[in-house]
Amino acid sequence: MPTKGRIKQSLAYWCLNATHCQWDIDRVCRTAKELGCAGVELAPVDDWPAVRKYGLEMPLAHNGMPDPVFAKGLNNPRYQEEVIAKTKGVMDLCAEFGVPNVIAFTGYQWRDADDPSSGVISREEGAASTSRGLRELALYGEKLGVTVVIEHLNTRDHSHPMKGHPGYQGDDIDYCAEIVRAAGSPRAKLLFDVYHVAIMNGDVIRRLKQYADLLGHVHVAGVPGRAEIDEAQEIHYPAVMRALVDIGYTGYVGLEFIPTRDPKRSLAQAVAVCDV
């Protein structure tokens, strides 16, 4: 149970539902309440009323694209119109339900997201396309009070489809930050996933300070393996959390890790580690 209250924490629904845990929304919400977390994120739209019923916030929503949601993104003209339309539809719901953030992705670097042999979108072309699409979404968000947060993902881990994402174009946090700045809207921000940043870039605390003004949401998980936040992984999360406090970050930290043992005990440990 958090005692200091300087870091707002939320449970990532998919980590507890689409894994071996197979928890339903009620169990996720009950656990969040019991652990003192203020939110549950990335739940399906149909489950948003349940999150509200438990008196919890929903700090982050999916963008409405089919799984894998990160494959077809804003970098590719072939998919951009669909991505923007579906994201705007979710943003309308976010405004209605009081959800502050919706996730966005660059997408895979391949011209056909399902075919690596289809040719590669250059990083320059991908950045320009993504920033244009992000700007359109952010301008829409300015009217609704909803922020679009673009996530950097790692491409190094090939062991599991949710631990690493080979082929994803936005695999450099500095590249994603440049895209956000180019979008030029207060409703375009970074989703800073500490797990992915540590794997691809490192220097996590300095980058948090460097991009303090761009942070819209934060995710955490153990490195390597996207498992528990414990003594068996390499990131010293108390220092990372203190850095967030020091830079005045007031958004949520989502516990987005895949439990390998008793989920509730793992979540309780993570909540305690992040409570600084």
C-alpha atoms as a PDB file:
ATOM      1  CA  MET A   1       0.000   0.000   0.000  1.00  0.00           C
ATOM      2  CA  PRO A   2       1.565   3.360  -1.010  1.00  0.00           C
ATOM      3  CA  THR A   3       2.258   5.602   1.966  1.00  0.00           C
ATOM      4  CA  LYS A   4       4.033   8.591   0.402  1.00  0.00           C
ATOM      5  CA  GLY A   5       1.602   9.279  -2.442  1.00  0.00           C
ATOM      6  CA  ARG A   6       4.116  11.089  -4.632  1.00  0.00           C
ATOM      7  CA  ILE A   7       3.858   8.563  -7.473  1.00  0.00           C
ATOM      8  CA  LYS A   8       0.417   7.731  -8.874  1.00  0.00           C
ATOM      9  CA  GLN A   9       0.368   4.090  -9.912  1.00  0.00           C
ATOM     10  CA  SER A  10      -1.908   2.062 -12.170  1.00  0.00           C
ATOM     11  CA  LEU A  11      -2.198  -1.594 -13.157  1.00  0.00           C
ATOM     12  CA  ALA A  12      -1.888  -2.512 -16.841  1.00  0.00           C
ATOM     13  CA  TYR A  13      -4.914  -4.676 -17.650  1.00  0.00           C
ATOM     14  CA  TRP A  14      -3.368  -6.704 -20.470  1.00  0.00           C
ATOM     15  CA  CYS A  15      -0.501  -7.927 -18.293  1.00  0.00           C
ATOM     16  CA  LEU A  16      -3.015  -9.561 -15.975  1.00  0.00           C
ATOM     17  CA  ASN A  17      -5.590 -10.677 -18.542  1.00  0.00           C
ATOM     18  CA  ALA A  18      -3.806 -11.636 -21.767  1.00  0.00           C
ATOM     19  CA  THR A  19      -1.111 -13.653 -19.988  1.00  0.00           C
ATOM     20  CA  HIS A  20      -1.132 -16.790 -17.858  1.00  0.00           C
ATOM     21  CA  CYS A  21      -2.934 -14.800 -15.119  1.00  0.00           C
ATOM     22  CA  GLN A  22      -6.195 -14.440 -17.120  1.00  0.00           C
ATOM     23  CA  TRP A  23      -7.728 -12.062 -14.577  1.00  0.00           C
ATOM     24  CA  ASP A  24     -11.023 -10.433 -15.507  1.00  0.00           C
ATOM     25  CA  ILE A  25     -11.611  -6.702 -15.115  1.00  0.00           C
ATOM     26  CA  ASP A  26     -13.223  -7.057 -11.683  1.00  0.00           C
ATOM     27  CA  ARG A  27     -10.244  -8.905 -10.273  1.00  0.00           C
ATOM     28  CA  VAL A  28      -7.836  -6.359 -11.740  1.00  0.00           C
ATOM     29  CA  CYS A  29      -9.842  -3.483 -10.273  1.00  0.00           C
ATOM     30  CA  ARG A  30     -10.238  -5.127  -6.858  1.00  0.00           C
ATOM     31  CA  THR A  31      -6.509  -5.743  -6.715  1.00  0.00           C
ATOM     32  CA  ALA A  32      -5.767  -2.144  -7.687  1.00  0.00           C
ATOM     33  CA  LYS A  33      -7.975  -0.918  -4.847  1.00  0.00           C
ATOM     34  CA  GLU A  34      -6.449  -3.344  -2.347  1.00  0.00           C
ATOM     35  CA  LEU A  35      -2.920  -2.282  -3.279  1.00  0.00           C
ATOM     36  CA  GLY A  36      -3.735   1.414  -3.146  1.00  0.00           C
ATOM     37  CA  CYS A  37      -3.312   2.057  -6.874  1.00  0.00           C
ATOM     38  CA  ALA A  38      -5.409   4.873  -8.278  1.00  0.00           C
ATOM     39  CA  GLY A  39      -5.928   3.514 -11.770  1.00  0.00           C
ATOM     40  CA  VAL A  40      -6.294   0.647 -14.216  1.00  0.00           C
ATOM     41  CA  GLU A  41      -5.071   1.300 -17.750  1.00  0.00           C
ATOM     42  CA  LEU A  42      -5.355  -0.193 -21.238  1.00  0.00           C
ATOM     43  CA  ALA A  43      -8.628  -1.946 -20.464  1.00  0.00           C
ATOM     44  CA  PRO A  44     -11.028  -2.629 -23.359  1.00  0.00           C
ATOM     45  CA  VAL A  45     -13.635   0.075 -23.940  1.00  0.00           C
ATOM     46  CA  ASP A  46     -16.422  -2.251 -22.812  1.00  0.00           C
ATOM     47  CA  ASP A  47     -14.740  -2.510 -19.408  1.00  0.00           C
ATOM     48  CA  TRP A  48     -14.379   1.224 -18.784  1.00  0.00           C
ATOM     49  CA  PRO A  49     -17.644   1.401 -16.810  1.00  0.00           C
ATOM     50  CA  ALA A  50     -16.299  -1.296 -14.479  1.00  0.00           C
ATOM     51  CA  VAL A  51     -13.146   0.727 -13.827  1.00  0.00           C
ATOM     52  CA  ARG A  52     -15.297   3.733 -12.994  1.00  0.00           C
ATOM     53  CA  LYS A  53     -17.549   1.574 -10.764  1.00  0.00           C
ATOM     54  CA  TYR A  54     -14.564   0.818  -8.546  1.00  0.00           C
ATOM     55  CA  GLY A  55     -13.748   4.511  -8.223  1.00  0.00           C
ATOM     56  CA  LEU A  56     -10.564   4.129 -10.244  1.00  0.00           C
ATOM     57  CA  GLU A  57      -9.175   6.293 -13.021  1.00  0.00           C
ATOM     58  CA  MET A  58      -8.332   5.057 -16.517  1.00  0.00           C
ATOM     59  CA  PRO A  59      -5.138   6.985 -17.288  1.00  0.00           C
ATOM     60  CA  LEU A  60      -4.389   5.424 -20.683  1.00  0.00           C
ATOM     61  CA  ALA A  61      -6.491   3.953 -23.518  1.00  0.00           C
ATOM     62  CA  HIS A  62      -5.667   1.833 -26.570  1.00  0.00           C
ATOM     63  CA  ASN A  63      -5.883   3.496 -29.977  1.00  0.00           C
ATOM     64  CA  GLY A  64      -8.578   1.214 -31.392  1.00  0.00           C
ATOM     65  CA  MET A  65      -6.337  -0.634 -33.851  1.00  0.00           C
ATOM     66  CA  PRO A  66      -6.420  -4.444 -33.920  1.00  0.00           C
ATOM     67  CA  ASP A  67      -3.631  -6.490 -32.333  1.00  0.00           C
ATOM     68  CA  PRO A  68      -0.766  -6.071 -32.614  1.00  0.00           C
ATOM     69  CA  VAL A  69      -1.749  -2.440 -32.062  1.00  0.00           C
ATOM     70  CA  PHE A  70       1.816  -1.208 -32.602  1.00  0.00           C
ATOM     71  CA  ALA A  71       2.337  -2.755 -36.051  1.00  0.00           C
ATOM     72  CA  LYS A  72       0.337  -0.382 -38.264  1.00  0.00           C
ATOM     73  CA  GLY A  73       1.161   3.134 -37.187  1.00  0.00           C
ATOM     74  CA  LEU A  74       1.396   6.766 -38.132  1.00  0.00           C
ATOM     75  CA  ASN A  75       4.682   6.384 -40.030  1.00  0.00           C
ATOM     76  CA  ASN A  76       3.092   4.554 -42.958  1.00  0.00           C
ATOM     77  CA  PRO A  77       0.800   6.410 -45.427  1.00  0.00           C
ATOM     78  CA  ARG A  78      -0.768   3.048 -46.210  1.00  0.00           C
ATOM     79  CA  TYR A  79      -2.281   2.857 -42.724  1.00  0.00           C
ATOM     80  CA  GLN A  80      -2.272   6.424 -41.433  1.00  0.00           C
ATOM     81  CA  GLU A  81      -5.825   7.332 -42.415  1.00  0.00           C
ATOM     82  CA  GLU A  82      -7.194   4.229 -40.667  1.00  0.00           C
ATOM     83  CA  VAL A  83      -5.051   4.825 -37.582  1.00  0.00           C
ATOM     84  CA  ILE A  84      -6.152   8.440 -37.294  1.00  0.00           C
ATOM     85  CA  ALA A  85      -9.835   7.608 -37.768  1.00  0.00           C
ATOM     86  CA  LYS A  86      -9.821   4.842 -35.162  1.00  0.00           C
ATOM     87  CA  THR A  87      -7.764   6.870 -32.717  1.00  0.00           C
ATOM     88  CA  LYS A  88     -10.138   9.833 -33.011  1.00  0.00           C
ATOM     89  CA  GLY A  89     -13.047   7.507 -32.289  1.00  0.00           C
ATOM     90  CA  VAL A  90     -11.356   6.354 -29.085  1.00  0.00           C
ATOM     91  CA  MET A  91     -10.507   9.953 -28.189  1.00  0.00           C
ATOM     92  CA  ASP A  92     -14.200  10.845 -28.361  1.00  0.00           C
ATOM     93  CA  LEU A  93     -14.872   8.107 -25.812  1.00  0.00           C
ATOM     94  CA  CYS A  94     -11.921   9.268 -23.708  1.00  0.00           C
ATOM     95  CA  ALA A  95     -13.439  12.745 -23.507  1.00  0.00           C
ATOM     96  CA  GLU A  96     -16.755  11.248 -22.396  1.00  0.00           C
ATOM     97  CA  PHE A  97     -15.221   8.972 -19.751  1.00  0.00           C
ATOM     98  CA  GLY A  98     -12.514  11.331 -18.516  1.00  0.00           C
ATOM     99  CA  VAL A  99      -9.589   9.288 -19.838  1.00  0.00           C
ATOM    100  CA  PRO A 100      -6.670  11.738 -20.238  1.00  0.00           C
ATOM    101  CA  ASN A 101      -4.402   9.821 -22.632  1.00  0.00           C
ATOM    102  CA  VAL A 102      -4.633   7.595 -25.703  1.00  0.00           C
ATOM    103  CA  ILE A 103      -1.639   5.644 -26.978  1.00  0.00           C
ATOM    104  CA  ALA A 104      -0.027   6.043 -30.401  1.00  0.00           C
ATOM    105  CA  PHE A 105       2.745   4.228 -32.259  1.00  0.00           C
ATOM    106  CA  THR A 106       5.107   4.886 -35.140  1.00  0.00           C
ATOM    107  CA  GLY A 107       4.371   1.419 -36.521  1.00  0.00           C
ATOM    108  CA  TYR A 108       6.680  -1.094 -38.175  1.00  0.00           C
ATOM    109  CA  GLN A 109       9.280   0.152 -40.626  1.00  0.00           C
ATOM    110  CA  TRP A 110       8.044  -2.086 -43.452  1.00  0.00           C
ATOM    111  CA  ARG A 111       5.791  -0.674 -46.172  1.00  0.00           C
ATOM    112  CA  ASP A 112       3.551  -3.688 -45.679  1.00  0.00           C
ATOM    113  CA  ALA A 113       3.463  -4.241 -41.932  1.00  0.00           C
ATOM    114  CA  ASP A 114       2.886  -7.962 -42.465  1.00  0.00           C
ATOM    115  CA  ASP A 115       5.733  -8.426 -44.956  1.00  0.00           C
ATOM    116  CA  PRO A 116       9.349  -7.555 -44.059  1.00  0.00           C
ATOM    117  CA  SER A 117      10.329  -8.068 -47.699  1.00  0.00           C
ATOM    118  CA  SER A 118       8.064  -5.213 -48.850  1.00  0.00           C
ATOM    119  CA  GLY A 119      10.725  -2.527 -48.435  1.00  0.00           C
ATOM    120  CA  VAL A 120      11.639  -0.177 -45.609  1.00  0.00           C
ATOM    121  CA  ILE A 121      10.303   3.279 -44.829  1.00  0.00           C
ATOM    122  CA  SER A 122      13.306   5.505 -44.181  1.00  0.00           C
ATOM    123  CA  ARG A 123      13.641   6.949 -40.700  1.00  0.00           C
ATOM    124  CA  GLU A 124      13.352  10.452 -42.131  1.00  0.00           C
ATOM    125  CA  GLU A 125      10.167   9.629 -44.029  1.00  0.00           C
ATOM    126  CA  GLY A 126       8.764   7.782 -41.026  1.00  0.00           C
ATOM    127  CA  ALA A 127       9.481  10.684 -38.685  1.00  0.00           C
ATOM    128  CA  ALA A 128       7.878  13.230 -41.003  1.00  0.00           C
ATOM    129  CA  SER A 129       4.782  11.089 -41.531  1.00  0.00           C
ATOM    130  CA  THR A 130       4.434  10.266 -37.842  1.00  0.00           C
ATOM    131  CA  SER A 131       4.774  13.889 -36.745  1.00  0.00           C
ATOM    132  CA  ARG A 132       2.118  14.974 -39.275  1.00  0.00           C
ATOM    133  CA  GLY A 133      -0.291  12.305 -38.094  1.00  0.00           C
ATOM    134  CA  LEU A 134       0.478  12.995 -34.446  1.00  0.00           C
ATOM    135  CA  ARG A 135      -0.143  16.697 -34.985  1.00  0.00           C
ATOM    136  CA  GLU A 136      -3.554  16.016 -36.524  1.00  0.00           C
ATOM    137  CA  LEU A 137      -4.496  13.832 -33.573  1.00  0.00           C
ATOM    138  CA  ALA A 138      -3.110  16.320 -31.056  1.00  0.00           C
ATOM    139  CA  LEU A 139      -5.076  19.209 -32.582  1.00  0.00           C
ATOM    140  CA  TYR A 140      -8.172  17.045 -32.289  1.00  0.00           C
ATOM    141  CA  GLY A 141      -7.194  16.333 -28.691  1.00  0.00           C
ATOM    142  CA  GLU A 142      -6.883  20.042 -27.937  1.00  0.00           C
ATOM    143  CA  LYS A 143     -10.633  20.353 -28.503  1.00  0.00           C
ATOM    144  CA  LEU A 144     -11.410  17.333 -26.326  1.00  0.00           C
ATOM    145  CA  GLY A 145      -8.878  17.667 -23.529  1.00  0.00           C
ATOM    146  CA  VAL A 146      -7.236  14.361 -24.527  1.00  0.00           C
ATOM    147  CA  THR A 147      -3.491  13.846 -25.000  1.00  0.00           C
ATOM    148  CA  VAL A 148      -1.910  11.481 -27.528  1.00  0.00           C
ATOM    149  CA  VAL A 149       1.188   9.743 -26.139  1.00  0.00           C
ATOM    150  CA  ILE A 150       3.527   8.041 -28.570  1.00  0.00           C
ATOM    151  CA  GLU A 151       5.444   5.050 -27.283  1.00  0.00           C
ATOM    152  CA  HIS A 152       9.031   4.066 -27.918  1.00  0.00           C
ATOM    153  CA  LEU A 153       9.488   0.260 -28.071  1.00  0.00           C
ATOM    154  CA  ASN A 154      12.564  -1.948 -28.078  1.00  0.00           C
ATOM    155  CA  THR A 155      13.544  -4.028 -31.114  1.00  0.00           C
ATOM    156  CA  ARG A 156      16.304  -6.074 -29.439  1.00  0.00           C
ATOM    157  CA  ASP A 157      14.278  -8.683 -27.565  1.00  0.00           C
ATOM    158  CA  HIS A 158      13.125 -11.453 -29.908  1.00  0.00           C
ATOM    159  CA  SER A 159      12.020 -13.849 -27.177  1.00  0.00           C
ATOM    160  CA  HIS A 160       8.329 -12.944 -26.887  1.00  0.00           C
ATOM    161  CA  PRO A 161       5.895 -10.793 -28.928  1.00  0.00           C
ATOM    162  CA  MET A 162       5.223  -8.510 -25.948  1.00  0.00           C
ATOM    163  CA  LYS A 163       8.788  -8.265 -24.646  1.00  0.00           C
ATOM    164  CA  GLY A 164      10.334  -6.822 -27.803  1.00  0.00           C
ATOM    165  CA  HIS A 165       9.105  -5.664 -31.203  1.00  0.00           C
ATOM    166  CA  PRO A 166      11.585  -6.302 -34.036  1.00  0.00           C
ATOM    167  CA  GLY A 167      10.778  -4.067 -36.981  1.00  0.00           C
ATOM    168  CA  TYR A 168       9.217  -1.243 -34.963  1.00  0.00           C
ATOM    169  CA  GLN A 169      10.486   2.073 -36.300  1.00  0.00           C
ATOM    170  CA  GLY A 170      10.325   4.172 -33.119  1.00  0.00           C
ATOM    171  CA  ASP A 171      12.938   2.184 -31.229  1.00  0.00           C
ATOM    172  CA  ASP A 172      15.010   5.213 -30.179  1.00  0.00           C
ATOM    173  CA  ILE A 173      13.663   7.509 -27.465  1.00  0.00           C
ATOM    174  CA  ASP A 174      15.473  10.529 -28.919  1.00  0.00           C
ATOM    175  CA  TYR A 175      13.892   9.859 -32.328  1.00  0.00           C
ATOM    176  CA  CYS A 176      10.428   9.675 -30.733  1.00  0.00           C
ATOM    177  CA  ALA A 177      11.068  12.856 -28.747  1.00  0.00           C
ATOM    178  CA  GLU A 178      11.954  14.703 -31.955  1.00  0.00           C
ATOM    179  CA  ILE A 179       8.675  13.511 -33.492  1.00  0.00           C
ATOM    180  CA  VAL A 180       6.729  14.834 -30.505  1.00  0.00           C
ATOM    181  CA  ARG A 181       8.465  18.202 -30.645  1.00  0.00           C
ATOM    182  CA  ALA A 182       7.798  18.420 -34.391  1.00  0.00           C
ATOM    183  CA  ALA A 183       4.088  17.798 -33.773  1.00  0.00           C
ATOM    184  CA  GLY A 184       4.120  21.104 -31.885  1.00  0.00           C
ATOM    185  CA  SER A 185       1.115  20.639 -29.604  1.00  0.00           C
ATOM    186  CA  PRO A 186       0.704  20.390 -25.824  1.00  0.00           C
ATOM    187  CA  ARG A 187      -1.565  17.423 -26.549  1.00  0.00           C
ATOM    188  CA  ALA A 188       1.291  15.423 -28.124  1.00  0.00           C
ATOM    189  CA  LYS A 189       3.521  13.745 -25.533  1.00  0.00           C
ATOM    190  CA  LEU A 190       5.879  10.829 -24.947  1.00  0.00           C
ATOM    191  CA  LEU A 191       4.949   7.549 -23.369  1.00  0.00           C
ATOM    192  CA  PHE A 192       8.265   6.893 -21.640  1.00  0.00           C
ATOM    193  CA  ASP A 193       8.519   3.140 -21.042  1.00  0.00           C
ATOM    194  CA  VAL A 194      11.510   2.673 -18.755  1.00  0.00           C
ATOM    195  CA  TYR A 195      11.801  -1.006 -19.725  1.00  0.00           C
ATOM    196  CA  HIS A 196      12.128  -0.247 -23.441  1.00  0.00           C
ATOM    197  CA  VAL A 197      14.347   2.801 -22.940  1.00  0.00           C
ATOM    198  CA  ALA A 198      16.749   0.850 -20.723  1.00  0.00           C
ATOM    199  CA  ILE A 199      17.112  -1.863 -23.350  1.00  0.00           C
ATOM    200  CA  MET A 200      17.577   0.450 -26.350  1.00  0.00           C
ATOM    201  CA  ASN A 201      19.158   3.619 -24.978  1.00  0.00           C
ATOM    202  CA  GLY A 202      20.033   3.393 -21.297  1.00  0.00           C
ATOM    203  CA  ASP A 203      20.869   6.542 -19.327  1.00  0.00           C
ATOM    204  CA  VAL A 204      17.257   6.508 -18.119  1.00  0.00           C
ATOM    205  CA  ILE A 205      17.382   9.175 -15.426  1.00  0.00           C
ATOM    206  CA  ARG A 206      19.205  11.714 -17.578  1.00  0.00           C
ATOM    207  CA  ARG A 207      16.696  11.141 -20.385  1.00  0.00           C
ATOM    208  CA  LEU A 208      13.767  11.595 -18.008  1.00  0.00           C
ATOM    209  CA  LYS A 209      15.211  14.964 -17.038  1.00  0.00           C
ATOM    210  CA  GLN A 210      15.994  15.836 -20.657  1.00  0.00           C
ATOM    211  CA  TYR A 211      12.421  15.157 -21.769  1.00  0.00           C
ATOM    212  CA  ALA A 212      10.602  16.252 -18.630  1.00  0.00           C
ATOM    213  CA  ASP A 213       8.402  18.658 -20.580  1.00  0.00           C
ATOM    214  CA  LEU A 214       7.348  15.909 -23.020  1.00  0.00           C
ATOM    215  CA  LEU A 215       6.345  13.200 -20.541  1.00  0.00           C
ATOM    216  CA  GLY A 216       2.696  12.201 -20.805  1.00  0.00           C
ATOM    217  CA  HIS A 217       2.778   8.730 -19.262  1.00  0.00           C
ATOM    218  CA  VAL A 218       5.365   6.311 -17.838  1.00  0.00           C
ATOM    219  CA  HIS A 219       5.568   2.510 -17.901  1.00  0.00           C
ATOM    220  CA  VAL A 220       7.803   0.263 -15.800  1.00  0.00           C
ATOM    221  CA  ALA A 221       8.895  -3.385 -15.873  1.00  0.00           C
ATOM    222  CA  GLY A 222      11.912  -5.444 -14.911  1.00  0.00           C
ATOM    223  CA  VAL A 223      14.891  -5.693 -17.266  1.00  0.00           C
ATOM    224  CA  PRO A 224      15.564  -8.135 -18.787  1.00  0.00           C
ATOM    225  CA  GLY A 225      12.406 -10.136 -19.432  1.00  0.00           C
ATOM    226  CA  ARG A 226       9.631  -7.639 -18.663  1.00  0.00           C
ATOM    227  CA  ALA A 227       9.000  -9.450 -15.396  1.00  0.00           C
ATOM    228  CA  GLU A 228       8.825  -8.394 -11.759  1.00  0.00           C
ATOM    229  CA  ILE A 229      10.333  -5.212 -10.394  1.00  0.00           C
ATOM    230  CA  ASP A 230      12.562  -6.946  -7.880  1.00  0.00           C
ATOM    231  CA  GLU A 231      16.169  -7.643  -6.919  1.00  0.00           C
ATOM    232  CA  ALA A 232      16.643 -10.046  -9.861  1.00  0.00           C
ATOM    233  CA  GLN A 233      16.496  -7.278 -12.482  1.00  0.00           C
ATOM    234  CA  GLU A 234      18.910  -4.494 -13.295  1.00  0.00           C
ATOM    235  CA  ILE A 235      17.032  -1.188 -12.984  1.00  0.00           C
ATOM    236  CA  HIS A 236      17.146   0.588  -9.626  1.00  0.00           C
ATOM    237  CA  TYR A 237      13.564   1.800  -9.711  1.00  0.00           C
ATOM    238  CA  PRO A 238      13.564   3.833  -6.466  1.00  0.00           C
ATOM    239  CA  ALA A 239      16.106   6.181  -8.082  1.00  0.00           C
ATOM    240  CA  VAL A 240      14.014   6.363 -11.266  1.00  0.00           C
ATOM    241  CA  MET A 241      10.902   7.215  -9.256  1.00  0.00           C
ATOM    242  CA  ARG A 242      12.755   9.861  -7.256  1.00  0.00           C
ATOM    243  CA  ALA A 243      13.883  11.397 -10.544  1.00  0.00           C
ATOM    244  CA  LEU A 244      10.242  11.633 -11.636  1.00  0.00           C
ATOM    245  CA  VAL A 245       9.399  13.377  -8.364  1.00  0.00           C
ATOM    246  CA  ASP A 246      12.360  15.732  -8.775  1.00  0.00           C
ATOM    247  CA  ILE A 247      11.296  16.839 -12.266  1.00  0.00           C
ATOM    248  CA  GLY A 248       7.735  17.454 -11.093  1.00  0.00           C
ATOM    249  CA  TYR A 249       6.085  14.639 -13.024  1.00  0.00           C
ATOM    250  CA  THR A 250       2.446  14.351 -11.926  1.00  0.00           C
ATOM    251  CA  GLY A 251       1.156  11.742 -14.363  1.00  0.00           C
ATOM    252  CA  TYR A 252       0.748   8.032 -13.836  1.00  0.00           C
ATOM    253  CA  VAL A 253       3.294   5.239 -13.639  1.00  0.00           C
ATOM    254  CA  GLY A 254       1.795   2.092 -15.136  1.00  0.00           C
ATOM    255  CA  LEU A 255       3.000  -1.250 -13.756  1.00  0.00           C
ATOM    256  CA  GLU A 256       3.284  -2.950 -17.153  1.00  0.00           C
ATOM    257  CA  PHE A 257       5.134  -6.152 -16.345  1.00  0.00           C
ATOM    258  CA  ILE A 258       4.281  -9.823 -16.885  1.00  0.00           C
ATOM    259  CA  PRO A 259       4.198 -11.668 -13.534  1.00  0.00           C
ATOM    260  CA  THR A 260       6.126 -14.924 -13.325  1.00  0.00           C
ATOM    261  CA  ARG A 261       4.899 -15.919  -9.861  1.00  0.00           C
ATOM    262  CA  ASP A 262       1.935 -15.032  -7.644  1.00  0.00           C
ATOM    263  CA  PRO A 263       0.647 -11.891  -9.406  1.00  0.00           C
ATOM    264  CA  LYS A 264      -0.710 -10.127  -6.340  1.00  0.00           C
ATOM    265  CA  ARG A 265       2.508 -10.520  -4.388  1.00  0.00           C
ATOM    266  CA  SER A 266       4.497  -9.339  -7.408  1.00  0.00           C
ATOM    267  CA  LEU A 267       2.254  -6.295  -7.813  1.00  0.00           C
ATOM    268  CA  ALA A 268       2.452  -5.483  -4.105  1.00  0.00           C
ATOM    269  CA  GLN A 269       6.236  -5.567  -4.299  1.00  0.00           C
ATOM    270  CA  ALA A 270       6.231  -3.286  -7.354  1.00  0.00           C
ATOM    271  CA  VAL A 271       3.890  -0.809  -5.672  1.00  0.00           C
ATOM    272  CA  ALA A 272       6.201  -0.680  -2.640  1.00  0.00           C
ATOM    273  CA  VAL A 273       9.343  -0.241  -4.769  1.00  0.00           C
ATOM    274  CA  CYS A 274       7.785   2.659  -6.716  1.00  0.00           C
ATOM    275  CA  ASP A 275       6.436   4.377  -3.601  1.00  0.00           C
ATOM    276  CA  VAL A 276       9.209   6.886  -2.912  1.00  0.00           C
END
